[in-house]
Amino acid sequence: MRVLKIFIIVAVLAIAAIFFLNYETDKGEKSSYDNNMAISQEWDTYEYRYHDQNSPDHNLALKFGSFNGYDTFYRIDASQRAKVTVKYDSDIDQGRFKIVIISPDQELSKIAEGSGQGSQELELAPGESRVKIVGDKATGTVKITIVGGEAIKVTLEGDDAPFAKQ
């Protein structure tokens, strides 16, 4: 009888711990969507239930499900002040989603949020800028293309060499 009581107490504590840890994880993921300070850091933190990336000609095409966090896809190195155009096409079925750019001095600017397509021309300071996607339980697709002049080198994360995109 005593062994049964101990077993029940241990089982209840284990279940309570699992719920507590799950609650804390969800809480952290939700808060990162609006946390510009965390998003603008050099490192990324993200989780996908699934994602399928296709990058023809250094253009990003991504299908994803239950995306939480922030993930860098492009690094743009500008040797001098330069203009760049970020073209996007996103179709978000659920959750929150945005595309941002982080300047060399860690300032974050939103390029797009939710579903939509368009382009945004930006003037970049010399140094490395980064394009990230940010999600809060987001499911959908996104395509991103970077267009710029010779003063920039664009690297799609996972590619071996930078490319100049005109």
C-alpha atoms as a PDB file:
ATOM      1  CA  MET A   1       0.000   0.000   0.000  1.00  0.00           C
ATOM      2  CA  ARG A   2       2.805   2.366   0.896  1.00  0.00           C
ATOM      3  CA  VAL A   3       4.584   1.654  -2.417  1.00  0.00           C
ATOM      4  CA  LEU A   4       1.373   2.492  -4.278  1.00  0.00           C
ATOM      5  CA  LYS A   5       1.112   5.880  -2.502  1.00  0.00           C
ATOM      6  CA  ILE A   6       4.727   6.708  -3.343  1.00  0.00           C
ATOM      7  CA  PHE A   7       4.153   5.683  -6.958  1.00  0.00           C
ATOM      8  CA  ILE A   8       1.056   7.912  -7.209  1.00  0.00           C
ATOM      9  CA  ILE A   9       2.873  10.884  -5.661  1.00  0.00           C
ATOM     10  CA  VAL A  10       5.840  10.478  -8.032  1.00  0.00           C
ATOM     11  CA  ALA A  11       3.495  10.154 -11.028  1.00  0.00           C
ATOM     12  CA  VAL A  12       1.557  13.307 -10.036  1.00  0.00           C
ATOM     13  CA  LEU A  13       4.805  15.259  -9.545  1.00  0.00           C
ATOM     14  CA  ALA A  14       6.144  14.072 -12.907  1.00  0.00           C
ATOM     15  CA  ILE A  15       2.954  15.134 -14.692  1.00  0.00           C
ATOM     16  CA  ALA A  16       2.995  18.514 -12.919  1.00  0.00           C
ATOM     17  CA  ALA A  17       6.632  19.044 -13.944  1.00  0.00           C
ATOM     18  CA  ILE A  18       5.831  18.242 -17.573  1.00  0.00           C
ATOM     19  CA  PHE A  19       2.952  20.751 -17.628  1.00  0.00           C
ATOM     20  CA  PHE A  20       5.091  23.409 -15.930  1.00  0.00           C
ATOM     21  CA  LEU A  21       7.993  22.971 -18.365  1.00  0.00           C
ATOM     22  CA  ASN A  22       5.645  22.994 -21.350  1.00  0.00           C
ATOM     23  CA  TYR A  23       3.981  26.199 -20.099  1.00  0.00           C
ATOM     24  CA  GLU A  24       7.346  27.925 -19.662  1.00  0.00           C
ATOM     25  CA  THR A  25       8.487  26.882 -23.170  1.00  0.00           C
ATOM     26  CA  ASP A  26       5.306  28.221 -24.790  1.00  0.00           C
ATOM     27  CA  LYS A  27       5.609  31.438 -22.815  1.00  0.00           C
ATOM     28  CA  GLY A  28       9.178  32.001 -24.064  1.00  0.00           C
ATOM     29  CA  GLU A  29       8.322  31.299 -27.701  1.00  0.00           C
ATOM     30  CA  LYS A  30       5.403  33.725 -27.695  1.00  0.00           C
ATOM     31  CA  SER A  31       7.425  36.535 -26.179  1.00  0.00           C
ATOM     32  CA  SER A  32      10.244  36.357 -28.748  1.00  0.00           C
ATOM     33  CA  TYR A  33       8.007  37.577 -31.606  1.00  0.00           C
ATOM     34  CA  ASP A  34       7.819  41.087 -30.151  1.00  0.00           C
ATOM     35  CA  ASN A  35      11.288  41.092 -28.551  1.00  0.00           C
ATOM     36  CA  ASN A  36      13.312  43.233 -30.981  1.00  0.00           C
ATOM     37  CA  MET A  37      16.374  43.150 -28.736  1.00  0.00           C
ATOM     38  CA  ALA A  38      16.537  39.343 -28.883  1.00  0.00           C
ATOM     39  CA  ILE A  39      15.708  39.197 -32.605  1.00  0.00           C
ATOM     40  CA  SER A  40      18.492  41.665 -33.487  1.00  0.00           C
ATOM     41  CA  GLN A  41      21.197  39.553 -31.821  1.00  0.00           C
ATOM     42  CA  GLU A  42      23.709  37.660 -33.966  1.00  0.00           C
ATOM     43  CA  TRP A  43      22.369  34.249 -32.887  1.00  0.00           C
ATOM     44  CA  ASP A  44      19.040  32.674 -33.794  1.00  0.00           C
ATOM     45  CA  THR A  45      16.599  30.546 -31.879  1.00  0.00           C
ATOM     46  CA  TYR A  46      13.819  28.765 -33.717  1.00  0.00           C
ATOM     47  CA  GLU A  47      11.722  25.650 -33.979  1.00  0.00           C
ATOM     48  CA  TYR A  48       9.820  24.298 -36.979  1.00  0.00           C
ATOM     49  CA  ARG A  49       7.390  21.410 -36.891  1.00  0.00           C
ATOM     50  CA  TYR A  50       8.465  21.033 -40.526  1.00  0.00           C
ATOM     51  CA  HIS A  51      10.144  23.160 -43.150  1.00  0.00           C
ATOM     52  CA  ASP A  52      11.048  22.606 -46.764  1.00  0.00           C
ATOM     53  CA  GLN A  53      13.589  25.027 -48.212  1.00  0.00           C
ATOM     54  CA  ASN A  54      14.295  25.467 -51.904  1.00  0.00           C
ATOM     55  CA  SER A  55      16.786  28.101 -53.015  1.00  0.00           C
ATOM     56  CA  PRO A  56      17.008  28.327 -56.817  1.00  0.00           C
ATOM     57  CA  ASP A  57      19.485  31.012 -57.938  1.00  0.00           C
ATOM     58  CA  HIS A  58      19.989  32.144 -54.315  1.00  0.00           C
ATOM     59  CA  ASN A  59      16.308  33.080 -53.967  1.00  0.00           C
ATOM     60  CA  LEU A  60      14.649  31.748 -50.826  1.00  0.00           C
ATOM     61  CA  ALA A  61      11.497  29.640 -51.164  1.00  0.00           C
ATOM     62  CA  LEU A  62      10.371  28.185 -47.841  1.00  0.00           C
ATOM     63  CA  LYS A  63       7.314  26.200 -46.755  1.00  0.00           C
ATOM     64  CA  PHE A  64       6.970  25.791 -42.990  1.00  0.00           C
ATOM     65  CA  GLY A  65       4.654  24.688 -40.212  1.00  0.00           C
ATOM     66  CA  SER A  66       4.433  25.721 -36.562  1.00  0.00           C
ATOM     67  CA  PHE A  67       7.415  28.077 -36.860  1.00  0.00           C
ATOM     68  CA  ASN A  68       8.392  29.770 -33.595  1.00  0.00           C
ATOM     69  CA  GLY A  69      11.358  32.086 -33.057  1.00  0.00           C
ATOM     70  CA  TYR A  70      13.685  33.879 -35.475  1.00  0.00           C
ATOM     71  CA  ASP A  71      15.911  32.504 -38.215  1.00  0.00           C
ATOM     72  CA  THR A  72      18.535  34.301 -40.363  1.00  0.00           C
ATOM     73  CA  PHE A  73      18.382  33.533 -44.082  1.00  0.00           C
ATOM     74  CA  TYR A  74      20.465  36.279 -45.722  1.00  0.00           C
ATOM     75  CA  ARG A  75      23.637  38.135 -44.791  1.00  0.00           C
ATOM     76  CA  ILE A  76      24.281  41.276 -46.839  1.00  0.00           C
ATOM     77  CA  ASP A  77      27.780  42.769 -46.753  1.00  0.00           C
ATOM     78  CA  ALA A  78      27.918  46.369 -48.006  1.00  0.00           C
ATOM     79  CA  SER A  79      31.379  47.774 -48.730  1.00  0.00           C
ATOM     80  CA  GLN A  80      29.872  51.284 -48.727  1.00  0.00           C
ATOM     81  CA  ARG A  81      26.430  52.863 -48.403  1.00  0.00           C
ATOM     82  CA  ALA A  82      24.288  50.951 -50.867  1.00  0.00           C
ATOM     83  CA  LYS A  83      20.687  50.472 -51.889  1.00  0.00           C
ATOM     84  CA  VAL A  84      19.118  47.055 -51.847  1.00  0.00           C
ATOM     85  CA  THR A  85      15.617  45.869 -52.690  1.00  0.00           C
ATOM     86  CA  VAL A  86      14.029  43.038 -50.741  1.00  0.00           C
ATOM     87  CA  LYS A  87      11.230  41.367 -52.723  1.00  0.00           C
ATOM     88  CA  TYR A  88       8.862  39.097 -50.824  1.00  0.00           C
ATOM     89  CA  ASP A  89       5.764  36.972 -51.297  1.00  0.00           C
ATOM     90  CA  SER A  90       4.303  35.402 -48.157  1.00  0.00           C
ATOM     91  CA  ASP A  91       1.157  33.363 -47.659  1.00  0.00           C
ATOM     92  CA  ILE A  92       0.553  32.716 -43.968  1.00  0.00           C
ATOM     93  CA  ASP A  93      -2.224  30.264 -43.068  1.00  0.00           C
ATOM     94  CA  GLN A  94      -2.054  30.729 -39.297  1.00  0.00           C
ATOM     95  CA  GLY A  95      -0.019  32.389 -36.579  1.00  0.00           C
ATOM     96  CA  ARG A  96       2.063  35.551 -36.767  1.00  0.00           C
ATOM     97  CA  PHE A  97       4.928  36.055 -39.221  1.00  0.00           C
ATOM     98  CA  LYS A  98       7.234  38.886 -40.257  1.00  0.00           C
ATOM     99  CA  ILE A  99      10.385  39.578 -42.259  1.00  0.00           C
ATOM    100  CA  VAL A 100      12.944  41.933 -40.706  1.00  0.00           C
ATOM    101  CA  ILE A 101      16.369  43.344 -41.513  1.00  0.00           C
ATOM    102  CA  ILE A 102      19.005  44.082 -38.893  1.00  0.00           C
ATOM    103  CA  SER A 103      21.572  46.784 -39.677  1.00  0.00           C
ATOM    104  CA  PRO A 104      25.284  46.570 -38.767  1.00  0.00           C
ATOM    105  CA  ASP A 105      24.535  48.629 -35.625  1.00  0.00           C
ATOM    106  CA  GLN A 106      21.810  46.125 -34.583  1.00  0.00           C
ATOM    107  CA  GLU A 107      18.807  48.314 -35.507  1.00  0.00           C
ATOM    108  CA  LEU A 108      15.810  46.254 -36.590  1.00  0.00           C
ATOM    109  CA  SER A 109      13.421  47.328 -39.369  1.00  0.00           C
ATOM    110  CA  LYS A 110      10.295  45.428 -40.380  1.00  0.00           C
ATOM    111  CA  ILE A 111      10.063  44.650 -44.095  1.00  0.00           C
ATOM    112  CA  ALA A 112       6.721  42.824 -44.098  1.00  0.00           C
ATOM    113  CA  GLU A 113       4.237  41.210 -41.733  1.00  0.00           C
ATOM    114  CA  GLY A 114       1.624  38.528 -42.348  1.00  0.00           C
ATOM    115  CA  SER A 115       0.532  37.552 -45.851  1.00  0.00           C
ATOM    116  CA  GLY A 116       1.307  39.745 -48.828  1.00  0.00           C
ATOM    117  CA  GLN A 117       3.687  40.475 -51.609  1.00  0.00           C
ATOM    118  CA  GLY A 118       5.733  43.478 -52.526  1.00  0.00           C
ATOM    119  CA  SER A 119       9.164  44.971 -52.265  1.00  0.00           C
ATOM    120  CA  GLN A 120      10.974  47.415 -50.065  1.00  0.00           C
ATOM    121  CA  GLU A 121      14.002  49.465 -51.076  1.00  0.00           C
ATOM    122  CA  LEU A 122      16.448  50.049 -48.249  1.00  0.00           C
ATOM    123  CA  GLU A 123      19.653  52.029 -47.901  1.00  0.00           C
ATOM    124  CA  LEU A 124      22.267  49.983 -46.108  1.00  0.00           C
ATOM    125  CA  ALA A 125      25.151  51.291 -44.036  1.00  0.00           C
ATOM    126  CA  PRO A 126      28.582  49.777 -44.620  1.00  0.00           C
ATOM    127  CA  GLY A 127      28.988  46.444 -42.860  1.00  0.00           C
ATOM    128  CA  GLU A 128      26.911  43.303 -42.485  1.00  0.00           C
ATOM    129  CA  SER A 129      23.108  43.424 -42.399  1.00  0.00           C
ATOM    130  CA  ARG A 130      20.960  40.342 -41.845  1.00  0.00           C
ATOM    131  CA  VAL A 131      17.496  39.379 -43.103  1.00  0.00           C
ATOM    132  CA  LYS A 132      15.529  37.199 -40.683  1.00  0.00           C
ATOM    133  CA  ILE A 133      12.090  35.693 -40.574  1.00  0.00           C
ATOM    134  CA  VAL A 134      10.224  35.740 -37.264  1.00  0.00           C
ATOM    135  CA  GLY A 135       7.298  33.509 -36.346  1.00  0.00           C
ATOM    136  CA  ASP A 136       4.817  32.820 -33.584  1.00  0.00           C
ATOM    137  CA  LYS A 137       3.130  29.482 -34.361  1.00  0.00           C
ATOM    138  CA  ALA A 138       3.267  30.447 -38.049  1.00  0.00           C
ATOM    139  CA  THR A 139       2.371  28.092 -40.881  1.00  0.00           C
ATOM    140  CA  GLY A 140       2.690  29.055 -44.532  1.00  0.00           C
ATOM    141  CA  THR A 141       5.101  29.846 -47.344  1.00  0.00           C
ATOM    142  CA  VAL A 142       7.498  32.687 -48.088  1.00  0.00           C
ATOM    143  CA  LYS A 143       9.688  33.648 -51.034  1.00  0.00           C
ATOM    144  CA  ILE A 144      12.416  36.272 -50.643  1.00  0.00           C
ATOM    145  CA  THR A 145      14.732  37.759 -53.267  1.00  0.00           C
ATOM    146  CA  ILE A 146      17.488  40.314 -52.627  1.00  0.00           C
ATOM    147  CA  VAL A 147      18.406  42.718 -55.453  1.00  0.00           C
ATOM    148  CA  GLY A 148      21.302  45.168 -55.226  1.00  0.00           C
ATOM    149  CA  GLY A 149      24.322  46.649 -56.928  1.00  0.00           C
ATOM    150  CA  GLU A 150      28.001  45.784 -56.986  1.00  0.00           C
ATOM    151  CA  ALA A 151      28.670  47.370 -53.577  1.00  0.00           C
ATOM    152  CA  ILE A 152      26.919  44.473 -51.844  1.00  0.00           C
ATOM    153  CA  LYS A 153      27.581  40.780 -51.452  1.00  0.00           C
ATOM    154  CA  VAL A 154      24.629  38.629 -50.439  1.00  0.00           C
ATOM    155  CA  THR A 155      25.015  35.245 -48.780  1.00  0.00           C
ATOM    156  CA  LEU A 156      22.048  32.913 -48.432  1.00  0.00           C
ATOM    157  CA  GLU A 157      22.594  30.918 -45.231  1.00  0.00           C
ATOM    158  CA  GLY A 158      23.791  27.449 -46.131  1.00  0.00           C
ATOM    159  CA  ASP A 159      25.374  28.549 -49.419  1.00  0.00           C
ATOM    160  CA  ASP A 160      29.153  28.342 -49.736  1.00  0.00           C
ATOM    161  CA  ALA A 161      29.911  31.625 -51.456  1.00  0.00           C
ATOM    162  CA  PRO A 162      28.438  35.122 -51.480  1.00  0.00           C
ATOM    163  CA  PHE A 163      26.913  36.410 -54.670  1.00  0.00           C
ATOM    164  CA  ALA A 164      26.254  39.874 -56.076  1.00  0.00           C
ATOM    165  CA  LYS A 165      22.575  40.123 -56.934  1.00  0.00           C
ATOM    166  CA  GLN A 166      21.552  42.708 -59.512  1.00  0.00           C
END
